[in-house]
PDB file of N, CA and C in Angstrom:
ATOM      1  N   MET A   1     -27.962  -5.767   8.104  1.00  0.00           N
ATOM      2  CA  MET A   1     -27.229  -6.784   7.359  1.00  0.00           C
ATOM      3  C   MET A   1     -27.397  -8.130   8.062  1.00  0.00           C
ATOM      4  N   ASP A   2     -27.586  -9.171   7.287  1.00  0.00           N
ATOM      5  CA  ASP A   2     -27.655 -10.516   7.845  1.00  0.00           C
ATOM      6  C   ASP A   2     -26.285 -10.907   8.389  1.00  0.00           C
ATOM      7  N   GLU A   3     -26.292 -11.871   9.299  1.00  0.00           N
ATOM      8  CA  GLU A   3     -25.028 -12.370   9.833  1.00  0.00           C
ATOM      9  C   GLU A   3     -24.308 -13.177   8.765  1.00  0.00           C
ATOM     10  N   TRP A   4     -22.957 -13.153   8.840  1.00  0.00           N
ATOM     11  CA  TRP A   4     -22.156 -13.971   7.930  1.00  0.00           C
ATOM     12  C   TRP A   4     -22.264 -15.431   8.368  1.00  0.00           C
ATOM     13  N   PRO A   5     -22.091 -16.369   7.422  1.00  0.00           N
ATOM     14  CA  PRO A   5     -21.952 -17.772   7.828  1.00  0.00           C
ATOM     15  C   PRO A   5     -20.732 -17.898   8.764  1.00  0.00           C
ATOM     16  N   GLU A   6     -20.748 -18.868   9.643  1.00  0.00           N
ATOM     17  CA  GLU A   6     -19.701 -19.000  10.660  1.00  0.00           C
ATOM     18  C   GLU A   6     -18.278 -19.006  10.093  1.00  0.00           C
ATOM     19  N   PRO A   7     -17.980 -19.743   9.006  1.00  0.00           N
ATOM     20  CA  PRO A   7     -16.605 -19.698   8.484  1.00  0.00           C
ATOM     21  C   PRO A   7     -16.213 -18.306   7.980  1.00  0.00           C
ATOM     22  N   VAL A   8     -17.162 -17.580   7.413  1.00  0.00           N
ATOM     23  CA  VAL A   8     -16.893 -16.222   6.921  1.00  0.00           C
ATOM     24  C   VAL A   8     -16.688 -15.283   8.104  1.00  0.00           C
ATOM     25  N   GLU A   9     -17.478 -15.461   9.142  1.00  0.00           N
ATOM     26  CA  GLU A   9     -17.322 -14.635  10.343  1.00  0.00           C
ATOM     27  C   GLU A   9     -15.954 -14.842  10.972  1.00  0.00           C
ATOM     28  N   ARG A  10     -15.407 -16.067  10.903  1.00  0.00           N
ATOM     29  CA  ARG A  10     -14.050 -16.302  11.428  1.00  0.00           C
ATOM     30  C   ARG A  10     -13.029 -15.456  10.668  1.00  0.00           C
ATOM     31  N   VAL A  11     -13.175 -15.385   9.333  1.00  0.00           N
ATOM     32  CA  VAL A  11     -12.288 -14.545   8.521  1.00  0.00           C
ATOM     33  C   VAL A  11     -12.452 -13.086   8.940  1.00  0.00           C
ATOM     34  N   ALA A  12     -13.693 -12.635   9.047  1.00  0.00           N
ATOM     35  CA  ALA A  12     -13.967 -11.253   9.439  1.00  0.00           C
ATOM     36  C   ALA A  12     -13.381 -10.939  10.816  1.00  0.00           C
ATOM     37  N   ALA A  13     -13.463 -11.884  11.739  1.00  0.00           N
ATOM     38  CA  ALA A  13     -12.939 -11.669  13.092  1.00  0.00           C
ATOM     39  C   ALA A  13     -11.431 -11.470  13.081  1.00  0.00           C
ATOM     40  N   VAL A  14     -10.725 -12.246  12.261  1.00  0.00           N
ATOM     41  CA  VAL A  14      -9.271 -12.085  12.162  1.00  0.00           C
ATOM     42  C   VAL A  14      -8.936 -10.715  11.589  1.00  0.00           C
ATOM     43  N   VAL A  15      -9.648 -10.320  10.551  1.00  0.00           N
ATOM     44  CA  VAL A  15      -9.417  -9.013   9.930  1.00  0.00           C
ATOM     45  C   VAL A  15      -9.651  -7.898  10.955  1.00  0.00           C
ATOM     46  N   ARG A  16     -10.751  -7.987  11.689  1.00  0.00           N
ATOM     47  CA  ARG A  16     -11.051  -6.974  12.708  1.00  0.00           C
ATOM     48  C   ARG A  16      -9.996  -6.964  13.815  1.00  0.00           C
ATOM     49  N   ALA A  17      -9.628  -8.148  14.297  1.00  0.00           N
ATOM     50  CA  ALA A  17      -8.671  -8.246  15.406  1.00  0.00           C
ATOM     51  C   ALA A  17      -7.305  -7.676  15.031  1.00  0.00           C
ATOM     52  N   ARG A  18      -6.931  -7.818  13.774  1.00  0.00           N
ATOM     53  CA  ARG A  18      -5.633  -7.318  13.322  1.00  0.00           C
ATOM     54  C   ARG A  18      -5.695  -5.868  12.855  1.00  0.00           C
ATOM     55  N   GLY A  19      -6.877  -5.272  12.871  1.00  0.00           N
ATOM     56  CA  GLY A  19      -7.016  -3.877  12.457  1.00  0.00           C
ATOM     57  C   GLY A  19      -6.729  -3.654  10.988  1.00  0.00           C
ATOM     58  N   ILE A  20      -7.080  -4.637  10.170  1.00  0.00           N
ATOM     59  CA  ILE A  20      -6.795  -4.568   8.735  1.00  0.00           C
ATOM     60  C   ILE A  20      -7.969  -3.941   8.001  1.00  0.00           C
ATOM     61  N   ASP A  21      -7.651  -3.015   7.099  1.00  0.00           N
ATOM     62  CA  ASP A  21      -8.653  -2.388   6.253  1.00  0.00           C
ATOM     63  C   ASP A  21      -8.842  -3.288   5.032  1.00  0.00           C
ATOM     64  N   ALA A  22      -9.951  -4.006   4.995  1.00  0.00           N
ATOM     65  CA  ALA A  22     -10.208  -4.958   3.912  1.00  0.00           C
ATOM     66  C   ALA A  22     -11.692  -4.949   3.576  1.00  0.00           C
ATOM     67  N   ARG A  23     -12.021  -5.512   2.427  1.00  0.00           N
ATOM     68  CA  ARG A  23     -13.406  -5.612   1.969  1.00  0.00           C
ATOM     69  C   ARG A  23     -13.831  -7.068   1.984  1.00  0.00           C
ATOM     70  N   LEU A  24     -14.876  -7.375   2.705  1.00  0.00           N
ATOM     71  CA  LEU A  24     -15.448  -8.715   2.726  1.00  0.00           C
ATOM     72  C   LEU A  24     -16.764  -8.631   1.980  1.00  0.00           C
ATOM     73  N   GLU A  25     -16.838  -9.325   0.844  1.00  0.00           N
ATOM     74  CA  GLU A  25     -18.016  -9.215  -0.005  1.00  0.00           C
ATOM     75  C   GLU A  25     -18.584 -10.585  -0.345  1.00  0.00           C
ATOM     76  N   GLU A  26     -19.905 -10.599  -0.539  1.00  0.00           N
ATOM     77  CA  GLU A  26     -20.594 -11.816  -0.957  1.00  0.00           C
ATOM     78  C   GLU A  26     -20.956 -11.699  -2.424  1.00  0.00           C
ATOM     79  N   PHE A  27     -20.712 -12.762  -3.171  1.00  0.00           N
ATOM     80  CA  PHE A  27     -21.038 -12.838  -4.591  1.00  0.00           C
ATOM     81  C   PHE A  27     -22.010 -13.993  -4.782  1.00  0.00           C
ATOM     82  N   PRO A  28     -23.318 -13.686  -4.845  1.00  0.00           N
ATOM     83  CA  PRO A  28     -24.338 -14.743  -4.908  1.00  0.00           C
ATOM     84  C   PRO A  28     -24.143 -15.727  -6.064  1.00  0.00           C
ATOM     85  N   GLU A  29     -23.512 -15.271  -7.164  1.00  0.00           N
ATOM     86  CA  GLU A  29     -23.297 -16.188  -8.285  1.00  0.00           C
ATOM     87  C   GLU A  29     -22.227 -17.229  -7.989  1.00  0.00           C
ATOM     88  N   GLY A  30     -21.501 -17.032  -6.904  1.00  0.00           N
ATOM     89  CA  GLY A  30     -20.516 -18.020  -6.470  1.00  0.00           C
ATOM     90  C   GLY A  30     -19.118 -17.737  -6.976  1.00  0.00           C
ATOM     91  N   THR A  31     -18.139 -18.166  -6.184  1.00  0.00           N
ATOM     92  CA  THR A  31     -16.727 -18.006  -6.521  1.00  0.00           C
ATOM     93  C   THR A  31     -15.954 -19.289  -6.196  1.00  0.00           C
ATOM     94  N   PRO A  32     -16.453 -20.442  -6.692  1.00  0.00           N
ATOM     95  CA  PRO A  32     -15.829 -21.710  -6.294  1.00  0.00           C
ATOM     96  C   PRO A  32     -14.487 -22.003  -6.961  1.00  0.00           C
ATOM     97  N   THR A  33     -14.170 -21.294  -8.044  1.00  0.00           N
ATOM     98  CA  THR A  33     -12.900 -21.513  -8.741  1.00  0.00           C
ATOM     99  C   THR A  33     -12.193 -20.173  -8.906  1.00  0.00           C
ATOM    100  N   ALA A  34     -10.899 -20.217  -9.217  1.00  0.00           N
ATOM    101  CA  ALA A  34     -10.149 -18.978  -9.446  1.00  0.00           C
ATOM    102  C   ALA A  34     -10.750 -18.188 -10.603  1.00  0.00           C
ATOM    103  N   ALA A  35     -11.166 -18.877 -11.661  1.00  0.00           N
ATOM    104  CA  ALA A  35     -11.753 -18.188 -12.809  1.00  0.00           C
ATOM    105  C   ALA A  35     -13.076 -17.519 -12.437  1.00  0.00           C
ATOM    106  N   ALA A  36     -13.922 -18.215 -11.682  1.00  0.00           N
ATOM    107  CA  ALA A  36     -15.205 -17.640 -11.261  1.00  0.00           C
ATOM    108  C   ALA A  36     -14.984 -16.462 -10.323  1.00  0.00           C
ATOM    109  N   ALA A  37     -14.032 -16.583  -9.434  1.00  0.00           N
ATOM    110  CA  ALA A  37     -13.731 -15.491  -8.504  1.00  0.00           C
ATOM    111  C   ALA A  37     -13.214 -14.268  -9.258  1.00  0.00           C
ATOM    112  N   ALA A  38     -12.337 -14.494 -10.223  1.00  0.00           N
ATOM    113  CA  ALA A  38     -11.801 -13.372 -11.019  1.00  0.00           C
ATOM    114  C   ALA A  38     -12.916 -12.661 -11.775  1.00  0.00           C
ATOM    115  N   ARG A  39     -13.832 -13.425 -12.358  1.00  0.00           N
ATOM    116  CA  ARG A  39     -14.972 -12.810 -13.047  1.00  0.00           C
ATOM    117  C   ARG A  39     -15.815 -11.983 -12.076  1.00  0.00           C
ATOM    118  N   ALA A  40     -16.048 -12.512 -10.891  1.00  0.00           N
ATOM    119  CA  ALA A  40     -16.901 -11.837  -9.912  1.00  0.00           C
ATOM    120  C   ALA A  40     -16.325 -10.494  -9.478  1.00  0.00           C
ATOM    121  N   VAL A  41     -15.010 -10.430  -9.286  1.00  0.00           N
ATOM    122  CA  VAL A  41     -14.401  -9.186  -8.805  1.00  0.00           C
ATOM    123  C   VAL A  41     -13.847  -8.324  -9.924  1.00  0.00           C
ATOM    124  N   GLY A  42     -13.883  -8.836 -11.169  1.00  0.00           N
ATOM    125  CA  GLY A  42     -13.445  -8.048 -12.312  1.00  0.00           C
ATOM    126  C   GLY A  42     -11.943  -7.937 -12.465  1.00  0.00           C
ATOM    127  N   CYS A  43     -11.248  -9.047 -12.277  1.00  0.00           N
ATOM    128  CA  CYS A  43      -9.794  -9.036 -12.453  1.00  0.00           C
ATOM    129  C   CYS A  43      -9.362 -10.299 -13.181  1.00  0.00           C
ATOM    130  N   VAL A  44      -8.062 -10.421 -13.397  1.00  0.00           N
ATOM    131  CA  VAL A  44      -7.532 -11.616 -14.047  1.00  0.00           C
ATOM    132  C   VAL A  44      -7.062 -12.588 -12.968  1.00  0.00           C
ATOM    133  N   PRO A  45      -7.279 -13.882 -13.173  1.00  0.00           N
ATOM    134  CA  PRO A  45      -6.825 -14.846 -12.159  1.00  0.00           C
ATOM    135  C   PRO A  45      -5.316 -15.027 -12.215  1.00  0.00           C
ATOM    136  N   VAL A  46      -4.734 -15.310 -11.070  1.00  0.00           N
ATOM    137  CA  VAL A  46      -3.324 -15.692 -10.991  1.00  0.00           C
ATOM    138  C   VAL A  46      -3.279 -17.095 -10.432  1.00  0.00           C
ATOM    139  N   PRO A  47      -2.167 -17.791 -10.631  1.00  0.00           N
ATOM    140  CA  PRO A  47      -2.092 -19.154 -10.079  1.00  0.00           C
ATOM    141  C   PRO A  47      -2.352 -19.133  -8.577  1.00  0.00           C
ATOM    142  N   ASN A  48      -2.887 -20.243  -8.069  1.00  0.00           N
ATOM    143  CA  ASN A  48      -3.120 -20.340  -6.627  1.00  0.00           C
ATOM    144  C   ASN A  48      -1.809 -20.105  -5.885  1.00  0.00           C
ATOM    145  N   ILE A  49      -1.890 -19.315  -4.835  1.00  0.00           N
ATOM    146  CA  ILE A  49      -0.721 -18.963  -4.051  1.00  0.00           C
ATOM    147  C   ILE A  49      -0.770 -19.731  -2.735  1.00  0.00           C
ATOM    148  N   SER A  50       0.349 -20.326  -2.393  1.00  0.00           N
ATOM    149  CA  SER A  50       0.435 -21.031  -1.121  1.00  0.00           C
ATOM    150  C   SER A  50       0.309 -20.030   0.018  1.00  0.00           C
ATOM    151  N   ARG A  51      -0.290 -20.445   1.118  1.00  0.00           N
ATOM    152  CA  ARG A  51      -0.400 -19.523   2.249  1.00  0.00           C
ATOM    153  C   ARG A  51       0.933 -19.353   2.968  1.00  0.00           C
ATOM    154  N   VAL A  52       1.929 -20.148   2.614  1.00  0.00           N
ATOM    155  CA  VAL A  52       3.238 -20.040   3.244  1.00  0.00           C
ATOM    156  C   VAL A  52       4.197 -19.232   2.379  1.00  0.00           C
ATOM    157  N   LEU A  53       4.138 -19.465   1.077  1.00  0.00           N
ATOM    158  CA  LEU A  53       4.995 -18.728   0.150  1.00  0.00           C
ATOM    159  C   LEU A  53       4.149 -17.720  -0.611  1.00  0.00           C
ATOM    160  N   PHE A  54       4.664 -16.534  -0.801  1.00  0.00           N
ATOM    161  CA  PHE A  54       3.924 -15.432  -1.399  1.00  0.00           C
ATOM    162  C   PHE A  54       4.776 -14.868  -2.520  1.00  0.00           C
ATOM    163  N   GLU A  55       4.279 -14.919  -3.762  1.00  0.00           N
ATOM    164  CA  GLU A  55       5.083 -14.408  -4.877  1.00  0.00           C
ATOM    165  C   GLU A  55       5.261 -12.895  -4.756  1.00  0.00           C
ATOM    166  N   ARG A  56       6.542 -12.427  -4.752  1.00  0.00           N
ATOM    167  CA  ARG A  56       6.866 -11.013  -4.553  1.00  0.00           C
ATOM    168  C   ARG A  56       6.127 -10.112  -5.540  1.00  0.00           C
ATOM    169  N   GLY A  57       5.864 -10.607  -6.752  1.00  0.00           N
ATOM    170  CA  GLY A  57       5.164  -9.812  -7.755  1.00  0.00           C
ATOM    171  C   GLY A  57       3.773  -9.370  -7.318  1.00  0.00           C
ATOM    172  N   LEU A  58       3.141 -10.110  -6.425  1.00  0.00           N
ATOM    173  CA  LEU A  58       1.809  -9.717  -5.955  1.00  0.00           C
ATOM    174  C   LEU A  58       1.840  -8.431  -5.141  1.00  0.00           C
ATOM    175  N   LEU A  59       2.996  -8.076  -4.595  1.00  0.00           N
ATOM    176  CA  LEU A  59       3.099  -6.852  -3.798  1.00  0.00           C
ATOM    177  C   LEU A  59       2.913  -5.604  -4.655  1.00  0.00           C
ATOM    178  N   GLU A  60       3.003  -5.754  -5.964  1.00  0.00           N
ATOM    179  CA  GLU A  60       2.828  -4.611  -6.860  1.00  0.00           C
ATOM    180  C   GLU A  60       1.365  -4.205  -7.002  1.00  0.00           C
ATOM    181  N   TRP A  61       0.444  -5.080  -6.618  1.00  0.00           N
ATOM    182  CA  TRP A  61      -0.980  -4.786  -6.748  1.00  0.00           C
ATOM    183  C   TRP A  61      -1.479  -3.990  -5.550  1.00  0.00           C
ATOM    184  N   GLU A  62      -2.442  -3.123  -5.771  1.00  0.00           N
ATOM    185  CA  GLU A  62      -3.053  -2.360  -4.686  1.00  0.00           C
ATOM    186  C   GLU A  62      -3.992  -3.234  -3.858  1.00  0.00           C
ATOM    187  N   LEU A  63      -4.685  -4.148  -4.531  1.00  0.00           N
ATOM    188  CA  LEU A  63      -5.686  -4.990  -3.886  1.00  0.00           C
ATOM    189  C   LEU A  63      -5.637  -6.378  -4.502  1.00  0.00           C
ATOM    190  N   VAL A  64      -5.683  -7.394  -3.664  1.00  0.00           N
ATOM    191  CA  VAL A  64      -5.806  -8.774  -4.133  1.00  0.00           C
ATOM    192  C   VAL A  64      -7.059  -9.358  -3.482  1.00  0.00           C
ATOM    193  N   TRP A  65      -7.589 -10.406  -4.091  1.00  0.00           N
ATOM    194  CA  TRP A  65      -8.801 -11.045  -3.584  1.00  0.00           C
ATOM    195  C   TRP A  65      -8.475 -12.468  -3.170  1.00  0.00           C
ATOM    196  N   ALA A  66      -9.009 -12.863  -2.042  1.00  0.00           N
ATOM    197  CA  ALA A  66      -8.796 -14.215  -1.525  1.00  0.00           C
ATOM    198  C   ALA A  66     -10.131 -14.791  -1.078  1.00  0.00           C
ATOM    199  N   GLY A  67     -10.239 -16.099  -1.121  1.00  0.00           N
ATOM    200  CA  GLY A  67     -11.425 -16.753  -0.600  1.00  0.00           C
ATOM    201  C   GLY A  67     -11.614 -16.394   0.863  1.00  0.00           C
ATOM    202  N   ALA A  68     -12.883 -16.324   1.284  1.00  0.00           N
ATOM    203  CA  ALA A  68     -13.146 -15.840   2.641  1.00  0.00           C
ATOM    204  C   ALA A  68     -14.102 -16.742   3.413  1.00  0.00           C
ATOM    205  N   GLY A  69     -13.942 -18.049   3.293  1.00  0.00           N
ATOM    206  CA  GLY A  69     -14.708 -18.950   4.142  1.00  0.00           C
ATOM    207  C   GLY A  69     -15.892 -19.637   3.499  1.00  0.00           C
ATOM    208  N   SER A  70     -16.262 -19.243   2.289  1.00  0.00           N
ATOM    209  CA  SER A  70     -17.356 -19.929   1.594  1.00  0.00           C
ATOM    210  C   SER A  70     -17.157 -19.779   0.094  1.00  0.00           C
ATOM    211  N   GLU A  71     -17.972 -20.477  -0.668  1.00  0.00           N
ATOM    212  CA  GLU A  71     -17.872 -20.397  -2.131  1.00  0.00           C
ATOM    213  C   GLU A  71     -18.542 -19.151  -2.696  1.00  0.00           C
ATOM    214  N   THR A  72     -19.055 -18.280  -1.829  1.00  0.00           N
ATOM    215  CA  THR A  72     -19.666 -17.042  -2.322  1.00  0.00           C
ATOM    216  C   THR A  72     -19.054 -15.790  -1.696  1.00  0.00           C
ATOM    217  N   HIS A  73     -18.068 -15.931  -0.827  1.00  0.00           N
ATOM    218  CA  HIS A  73     -17.469 -14.785  -0.152  1.00  0.00           C
ATOM    219  C   HIS A  73     -16.000 -14.620  -0.538  1.00  0.00           C
ATOM    220  N   MET A  74     -15.619 -13.348  -0.746  1.00  0.00           N
ATOM    221  CA  MET A  74     -14.243 -13.015  -1.097  1.00  0.00           C
ATOM    222  C   MET A  74     -13.773 -11.872  -0.199  1.00  0.00           C
ATOM    223  N   LEU A  75     -12.468 -11.853   0.045  1.00  0.00           N
ATOM    224  CA  LEU A  75     -11.846 -10.808   0.841  1.00  0.00           C
ATOM    225  C   LEU A  75     -10.927 -10.004  -0.059  1.00  0.00           C
ATOM    226  N   GLY A  76     -11.208  -8.720  -0.205  1.00  0.00           N
ATOM    227  CA  GLY A  76     -10.329  -7.806  -0.919  1.00  0.00           C
ATOM    228  C   GLY A  76      -9.394  -7.174   0.098  1.00  0.00           C
ATOM    229  N   ILE A  77      -8.092  -7.345  -0.098  1.00  0.00           N
ATOM    230  CA  ILE A  77      -7.108  -6.948   0.919  1.00  0.00           C
ATOM    231  C   ILE A  77      -5.815  -6.532   0.232  1.00  0.00           C
ATOM    232  N   SER A  78      -5.074  -5.637   0.851  1.00  0.00           N
ATOM    233  CA  SER A  78      -3.776  -5.278   0.275  1.00  0.00           C
ATOM    234  C   SER A  78      -2.859  -6.492   0.377  1.00  0.00           C
ATOM    235  N   PRO A  79      -1.997  -6.695  -0.606  1.00  0.00           N
ATOM    236  CA  PRO A  79      -1.137  -7.882  -0.551  1.00  0.00           C
ATOM    237  C   PRO A  79      -0.208  -7.889   0.659  1.00  0.00           C
ATOM    238  N   ILE A  80       0.248  -6.726   1.096  1.00  0.00           N
ATOM    239  CA  ILE A  80       1.137  -6.711   2.262  1.00  0.00           C
ATOM    240  C   ILE A  80       0.373  -7.111   3.518  1.00  0.00           C
ATOM    241  N   ASP A  81      -0.900  -6.689   3.631  1.00  0.00           N
ATOM    242  CA  ASP A  81      -1.703  -7.120   4.778  1.00  0.00           C
ATOM    243  C   ASP A  81      -2.002  -8.610   4.706  1.00  0.00           C
ATOM    244  N   LEU A  82      -2.268  -9.124   3.498  1.00  0.00           N
ATOM    245  CA  LEU A  82      -2.503 -10.561   3.343  1.00  0.00           C
ATOM    246  C   LEU A  82      -1.266 -11.353   3.758  1.00  0.00           C
ATOM    247  N   ALA A  83      -0.101 -10.895   3.327  1.00  0.00           N
ATOM    248  CA  ALA A  83       1.142 -11.575   3.706  1.00  0.00           C
ATOM    249  C   ALA A  83       1.340 -11.521   5.217  1.00  0.00           C
ATOM    250  N   ARG A  84       1.033 -10.378   5.822  1.00  0.00           N
ATOM    251  CA  ARG A  84       1.215 -10.225   7.267  1.00  0.00           C
ATOM    252  C   ARG A  84       0.262 -11.130   8.047  1.00  0.00           C
ATOM    253  N   VAL A  85      -1.027 -11.140   7.663  1.00  0.00           N
ATOM    254  CA  VAL A  85      -2.015 -11.901   8.427  1.00  0.00           C
ATOM    255  C   VAL A  85      -1.818 -13.415   8.272  1.00  0.00           C
ATOM    256  N   THR A  86      -1.279 -13.837   7.134  1.00  0.00           N
ATOM    257  CA  THR A  86      -1.039 -15.263   6.928  1.00  0.00           C
ATOM    258  C   THR A  86       0.378 -15.680   7.317  1.00  0.00           C
ATOM    259  N   GLN A  87       1.176 -14.711   7.752  1.00  0.00           N
ATOM    260  CA  GLN A  87       2.573 -14.950   8.100  1.00  0.00           C
ATOM    261  C   GLN A  87       3.318 -15.598   6.943  1.00  0.00           C
ATOM    262  N   ALA A  88       3.020 -15.095   5.747  1.00  0.00           N
ATOM    263  CA  ALA A  88       3.642 -15.642   4.542  1.00  0.00           C
ATOM    264  C   ALA A  88       5.099 -15.224   4.441  1.00  0.00           C
ATOM    265  N   GLU A  89       5.873 -16.066   3.806  1.00  0.00           N
ATOM    266  CA  GLU A  89       7.257 -15.744   3.499  1.00  0.00           C
ATOM    267  C   GLU A  89       7.272 -15.102   2.111  1.00  0.00           C
ATOM    268  N   ILE A  90       7.848 -13.907   2.011  1.00  0.00           N
ATOM    269  CA  ILE A  90       7.933 -13.201   0.733  1.00  0.00           C
ATOM    270  C   ILE A  90       9.156 -13.744  -0.007  1.00  0.00           C
ATOM    271  N   VAL A  91       8.945 -14.284  -1.205  1.00  0.00           N
ATOM    272  CA  VAL A  91      10.034 -14.875  -1.971  1.00  0.00           C
ATOM    273  C   VAL A  91       9.929 -14.454  -3.435  1.00  0.00           C
ATOM    274  N   ASP A  92      11.059 -14.544  -4.137  1.00  0.00           N
ATOM    275  CA  ASP A  92      11.074 -14.369  -5.581  1.00  0.00           C
ATOM    276  C   ASP A  92      10.923 -15.732  -6.207  1.00  0.00           C
ATOM    277  N   ILE A  93       9.923 -15.859  -7.064  1.00  0.00           N
ATOM    278  CA  ILE A  93       9.717 -17.124  -7.768  1.00  0.00           C
ATOM    279  C   ILE A  93       9.809 -16.807  -9.251  1.00  0.00           C
ATOM    280  N   VAL A  94      10.723 -17.485  -9.934  1.00  0.00           N
ATOM    281  CA  VAL A  94      10.889 -17.260 -11.361  1.00  0.00           C
ATOM    282  C   VAL A  94      10.732 -18.579 -12.087  1.00  0.00           C
ATOM    283  N   GLU A  95      10.245 -18.473 -13.299  1.00  0.00           N
ATOM    284  CA  GLU A  95      10.073 -19.667 -14.121  1.00  0.00           C
ATOM    285  C   GLU A  95      11.329 -19.877 -14.945  1.00  0.00           C
ATOM    286  N   ALA A  96      11.881 -21.075 -14.905  1.00  0.00           N
ATOM    287  CA  ALA A  96      13.123 -21.363 -15.639  1.00  0.00           C
ATOM    288  C   ALA A  96      12.832 -21.673 -17.089  1.00  0.00           C
TER     289      ALA A  96
END
């Protein structure tokens, strides 16, 4: 396997250091937007999530996808691991 680009390798290093079971994948067609990323991984896009606040509803999913250092790399990770590694605050967000 070729080496990851340096920003992607930084993501991979954090995942390895924390002992997280995650998927780091490259999508040559690119994932520069939420819609493009959703198409690439075969899911529906959700609004961008702040790295500080984490919508509690995301915990219901088995796997979520996040950008991983480039416009062609994505990280598939459990939402609880994503919240843990980003030190996110789990909150209930409702639309009025």
